[in-house]
Amino acid sequence: PQDEEEPPGVPDAAERAMLRDEFTSRMYQRFLDGEDGDFDYSQVDENPDLDNLDIVSRDAEERYFDEEEPSAAPQLE
């Protein structure tokens, strides 16, 4: 029976899986950071249909309360 070891310098299956995961993670982060030159980010950034409405609503609510002048709370009896 022949020994099925990889030639020197060739990563084994576990190492290839780890390298593939690392590559995928880096490419994913690069895309999120806006560094993918082949992608037109404006199609996503400027499309209101893709907005997360919960976040948009929360941001509007925070802006409203940030603009309010502080005042004393009413006293409860």
N, C-alpha and C. Protein backbone atom coordinates (compact mmCIF):
# COMPACT_ATOMS: atom_id res chain seq x y z
N PRO A 1 0.83 -1.20 0.00
CA PRO A 1 0.00 0.00 0.00
C PRO A 1 0.87 1.25 0.00
N GLN A 2 0.46 2.19 -0.81
CA GLN A 2 1.20 3.45 -0.88
C GLN A 2 0.82 4.37 0.26
N ASP A 3 1.78 5.10 0.74
CA ASP A 3 1.53 6.09 1.78
C ASP A 3 0.82 7.28 1.13
N GLU A 4 -0.30 7.73 1.68
CA GLU A 4 -1.10 8.80 1.07
C GLU A 4 -0.78 10.17 1.66
N GLU A 5 0.43 10.37 2.12
CA GLU A 5 0.83 11.66 2.66
C GLU A 5 0.95 12.68 1.53
N GLU A 6 0.67 13.93 1.87
CA GLU A 6 0.81 15.02 0.90
C GLU A 6 2.31 15.28 0.70
N PRO A 7 2.67 15.74 -0.50
CA PRO A 7 4.08 16.13 -0.70
C PRO A 7 4.43 17.29 0.23
N PRO A 8 5.72 17.44 0.53
CA PRO A 8 6.14 18.56 1.41
C PRO A 8 5.68 19.91 0.86
N GLY A 9 5.20 20.77 1.74
CA GLY A 9 4.77 22.11 1.36
C GLY A 9 3.31 22.20 0.95
N VAL A 10 2.63 21.06 0.78
CA VAL A 10 1.22 21.07 0.42
C VAL A 10 0.41 20.91 1.71
N PRO A 11 -0.51 21.83 2.00
CA PRO A 11 -1.27 21.73 3.24
C PRO A 11 -2.21 20.52 3.23
N ASP A 12 -2.40 19.94 4.40
CA ASP A 12 -3.33 18.81 4.49
C ASP A 12 -4.76 19.35 4.51
N ALA A 13 -5.74 18.45 4.56
CA ALA A 13 -7.15 18.85 4.46
C ALA A 13 -7.56 19.82 5.56
N ALA A 14 -7.12 19.58 6.79
CA ALA A 14 -7.48 20.47 7.90
C ALA A 14 -6.89 21.86 7.71
N GLU A 15 -5.65 21.89 7.24
CA GLU A 15 -5.00 23.17 7.00
C GLU A 15 -5.68 23.92 5.85
N ARG A 16 -6.08 23.21 4.80
CA ARG A 16 -6.78 23.84 3.68
C ARG A 16 -8.12 24.42 4.14
N ALA A 17 -8.82 23.68 4.98
CA ALA A 17 -10.09 24.18 5.51
C ALA A 17 -9.88 25.44 6.32
N MET A 18 -8.83 25.45 7.16
CA MET A 18 -8.54 26.63 7.97
C MET A 18 -8.18 27.82 7.08
N LEU A 19 -7.36 27.58 6.05
CA LEU A 19 -6.96 28.65 5.14
C LEU A 19 -8.17 29.17 4.34
N ARG A 20 -9.07 28.27 3.95
CA ARG A 20 -10.27 28.68 3.23
C ARG A 20 -11.15 29.56 4.13
N ASP A 21 -11.31 29.16 5.39
CA ASP A 21 -12.11 29.96 6.34
C ASP A 21 -11.49 31.33 6.56
N GLU A 22 -10.16 31.38 6.67
CA GLU A 22 -9.47 32.65 6.88
C GLU A 22 -9.65 33.55 5.65
N PHE A 23 -9.50 32.97 4.46
CA PHE A 23 -9.67 33.73 3.22
C PHE A 23 -11.10 34.29 3.13
N THR A 24 -12.09 33.44 3.39
CA THR A 24 -13.49 33.86 3.32
C THR A 24 -13.76 34.98 4.32
N SER A 25 -13.24 34.85 5.52
CA SER A 25 -13.43 35.86 6.55
C SER A 25 -12.81 37.20 6.14
N ARG A 26 -11.60 37.15 5.59
CA ARG A 26 -10.93 38.38 5.16
C ARG A 26 -11.66 39.05 4.00
N MET A 27 -12.13 38.25 3.05
CA MET A 27 -12.85 38.81 1.90
C MET A 27 -14.19 39.41 2.35
N TYR A 28 -14.86 38.74 3.27
CA TYR A 28 -16.12 39.25 3.81
C TYR A 28 -15.89 40.60 4.49
N GLN A 29 -14.84 40.68 5.33
CA GLN A 29 -14.56 41.93 6.04
C GLN A 29 -14.15 43.02 5.06
N ARG A 30 -13.38 42.65 4.05
CA ARG A 30 -12.96 43.63 3.05
C ARG A 30 -14.18 44.21 2.33
N PHE A 31 -15.15 43.36 2.01
CA PHE A 31 -16.38 43.82 1.36
C PHE A 31 -17.13 44.78 2.29
N LEU A 32 -17.26 44.40 3.58
CA LEU A 32 -17.97 45.25 4.53
C LEU A 32 -17.28 46.58 4.75
N ASP A 33 -15.95 46.60 4.61
CA ASP A 33 -15.18 47.83 4.78
C ASP A 33 -15.23 48.72 3.53
N GLY A 34 -15.90 48.23 2.47
CA GLY A 34 -16.04 49.04 1.25
C GLY A 34 -14.81 49.02 0.37
N GLU A 35 -13.98 47.99 0.49
CA GLU A 35 -12.72 47.93 -0.25
C GLU A 35 -12.80 47.06 -1.50
N ASP A 36 -13.98 46.59 -1.87
CA ASP A 36 -14.12 45.75 -3.05
C ASP A 36 -14.36 46.64 -4.26
N GLY A 37 -13.33 46.88 -5.04
CA GLY A 37 -13.40 47.81 -6.16
C GLY A 37 -14.33 47.38 -7.28
N ASP A 38 -14.67 46.10 -7.34
CA ASP A 38 -15.52 45.60 -8.41
C ASP A 38 -17.02 45.73 -8.09
N PHE A 39 -17.35 46.22 -6.91
CA PHE A 39 -18.75 46.30 -6.49
C PHE A 39 -19.17 47.75 -6.40
N ASP A 40 -20.35 48.07 -6.93
CA ASP A 40 -20.90 49.43 -6.86
C ASP A 40 -21.71 49.56 -5.57
N TYR A 41 -21.07 50.05 -4.53
CA TYR A 41 -21.71 50.17 -3.22
C TYR A 41 -22.88 51.16 -3.23
N SER A 42 -22.87 52.10 -4.16
CA SER A 42 -23.95 53.11 -4.19
C SER A 42 -25.31 52.46 -4.47
N GLN A 43 -25.32 51.34 -5.18
CA GLN A 43 -26.60 50.66 -5.44
C GLN A 43 -27.23 50.15 -4.14
N VAL A 44 -26.42 49.86 -3.17
CA VAL A 44 -26.92 49.38 -1.88
C VAL A 44 -27.11 50.55 -0.92
N ASP A 45 -26.10 51.41 -0.84
CA ASP A 45 -26.13 52.52 0.11
C ASP A 45 -27.29 53.48 -0.14
N GLU A 46 -27.64 53.68 -1.40
CA GLU A 46 -28.66 54.67 -1.74
C GLU A 46 -30.02 54.05 -2.02
N ASN A 47 -30.21 52.79 -1.69
CA ASN A 47 -31.48 52.11 -1.94
C ASN A 47 -32.28 52.02 -0.64
N PRO A 48 -33.33 52.84 -0.50
CA PRO A 48 -34.11 52.84 0.75
C PRO A 48 -34.85 51.53 1.01
N ASP A 49 -35.07 50.73 -0.05
CA ASP A 49 -35.75 49.45 0.13
C ASP A 49 -34.91 48.46 0.94
N LEU A 50 -33.62 48.70 1.02
CA LEU A 50 -32.72 47.80 1.74
C LEU A 50 -32.45 48.25 3.17
N ASP A 51 -33.01 49.39 3.58
CA ASP A 51 -32.78 49.90 4.93
C ASP A 51 -33.46 49.02 5.97
N ASN A 52 -32.80 48.86 7.09
CA ASN A 52 -33.38 48.15 8.22
C ASN A 52 -34.29 49.14 8.93
N LEU A 53 -35.61 48.97 8.80
CA LEU A 53 -36.56 49.96 9.30
C LEU A 53 -36.53 50.09 10.82
N ASP A 54 -36.17 49.02 11.53
CA ASP A 54 -36.06 49.11 12.99
C ASP A 54 -34.96 50.08 13.37
N ILE A 55 -33.83 50.01 12.68
CA ILE A 55 -32.70 50.90 12.98
C ILE A 55 -33.04 52.33 12.57
N VAL A 56 -33.66 52.50 11.40
CA VAL A 56 -34.04 53.83 10.93
C VAL A 56 -35.00 54.47 11.94
N SER A 57 -35.98 53.72 12.42
CA SER A 57 -36.94 54.22 13.39
C SER A 57 -36.26 54.58 14.71
N ARG A 58 -35.37 53.72 15.17
CA ARG A 58 -34.65 53.98 16.43
C ARG A 58 -33.77 55.23 16.31
N ASP A 59 -33.10 55.39 15.15
CA ASP A 59 -32.26 56.57 14.94
C ASP A 59 -33.11 57.84 14.95
N ALA A 60 -34.28 57.81 14.32
CA ALA A 60 -35.16 58.98 14.31
C ALA A 60 -35.64 59.30 15.72
N GLU A 61 -35.95 58.27 16.49
CA GLU A 61 -36.39 58.47 17.88
C GLU A 61 -35.26 59.07 18.72
N GLU A 62 -34.05 58.59 18.55
CA GLU A 62 -32.91 59.12 19.30
C GLU A 62 -32.65 60.57 18.93
N ARG A 63 -32.75 60.91 17.64
CA ARG A 63 -32.56 62.30 17.22
C ARG A 63 -33.62 63.20 17.87
N TYR A 64 -34.85 62.73 17.92
CA TYR A 64 -35.94 63.50 18.53
C TYR A 64 -35.64 63.80 19.99
N PHE A 65 -35.26 62.77 20.73
CA PHE A 65 -34.99 62.98 22.16
C PHE A 65 -33.71 63.76 22.40
N ASP A 66 -32.72 63.65 21.51
CA ASP A 66 -31.49 64.42 21.65
C ASP A 66 -31.75 65.92 21.46
N GLU A 67 -32.75 66.27 20.65
CA GLU A 67 -33.06 67.67 20.39
C GLU A 67 -33.89 68.29 21.49
N GLU A 68 -34.51 67.49 22.33
CA GLU A 68 -35.37 67.99 23.40
C GLU A 68 -34.54 68.65 24.49
N GLU A 69 -35.06 69.74 25.02
CA GLU A 69 -34.39 70.42 26.13
C GLU A 69 -34.64 69.64 27.42
N PRO A 70 -33.63 69.47 28.23
CA PRO A 70 -33.85 68.77 29.51
C PRO A 70 -34.77 69.58 30.42
N SER A 71 -35.62 68.88 31.14
CA SER A 71 -36.51 69.55 32.09
C SER A 71 -36.72 68.61 33.28
N ALA A 72 -37.18 69.19 34.36
CA ALA A 72 -37.41 68.39 35.57
C ALA A 72 -38.65 67.52 35.37
N ALA A 73 -38.57 66.32 35.89
CA ALA A 73 -39.71 65.41 35.79
C ALA A 73 -40.81 65.87 36.75
N PRO A 74 -42.06 65.68 36.38
CA PRO A 74 -43.15 66.09 37.28
C PRO A 74 -43.13 65.24 38.55
N GLN A 75 -43.51 65.84 39.64
CA GLN A 75 -43.56 65.13 40.92
C GLN A 75 -44.85 64.33 41.04
N LEU A 76 -44.76 63.09 41.39
CA LEU A 76 -45.93 62.25 41.58
C LEU A 76 -46.31 62.26 43.05
N GLU A 77 -47.58 62.32 43.31
CA GLU A 77 -48.01 62.36 44.71
C GLU A 77 -48.66 61.08 45.11
